[in-house]
Amino acid sequence: MENDVARDLDITLETALMLSEGKSSVRKIAESIFDSEAEMLEQFRRPWMVDRLVWMLKRRQSKIAQGQLALPGFENLPRRITVKGGHRAALRFATLRELKEYRAILWKQEDKRVKTLDRLIELVASYAVENPNIRAQEAMEMEAKRRTF
């Protein structure tokens, strides 16, 4: 039965494309098929949703592995920042120097995120006294530990 449904879907897709004669966008064709073939498409709902969720989870997992998730409390700052010379760095792994370079760029652009960035710079600076190469994420972790005690 599954093969029959897949074959029916293939026929439906090909027919819809032929009937549109290139006059409709693919989105419009897809919406039309969705509206007219809801019963047939219902059989694909679970596998398609699972596939989509897998894709979304893999993307998120990849971002975690690359350190590209937003820093808690600083979600309005980009995950990657541009620093002196056009170099890009992950915000999580930015040093105090890189944060200050990024701040100079935002300041020139009169960006409203400067205030948020100043909070992060202040936090990292407080830990950079003892460890000049500390990264933003490390400073945040140390601050979280300090606050729990």
Foldseek 3Di string as FASTA:
>chain_A
DVVVLVVVVVVLVVVLCVVCVPVDDPVVSVVVCCVVVVVSCVVVVVVVVVVVVVVVVVVVVVCVVVQQQDDPPLNVDGQWAAFPPRDIDGLQFDFLNRLVRRLVVCVVVVHPCNVVSVVLSVQRVVVCVVPRNDHSNNSVVVVVVVVVD
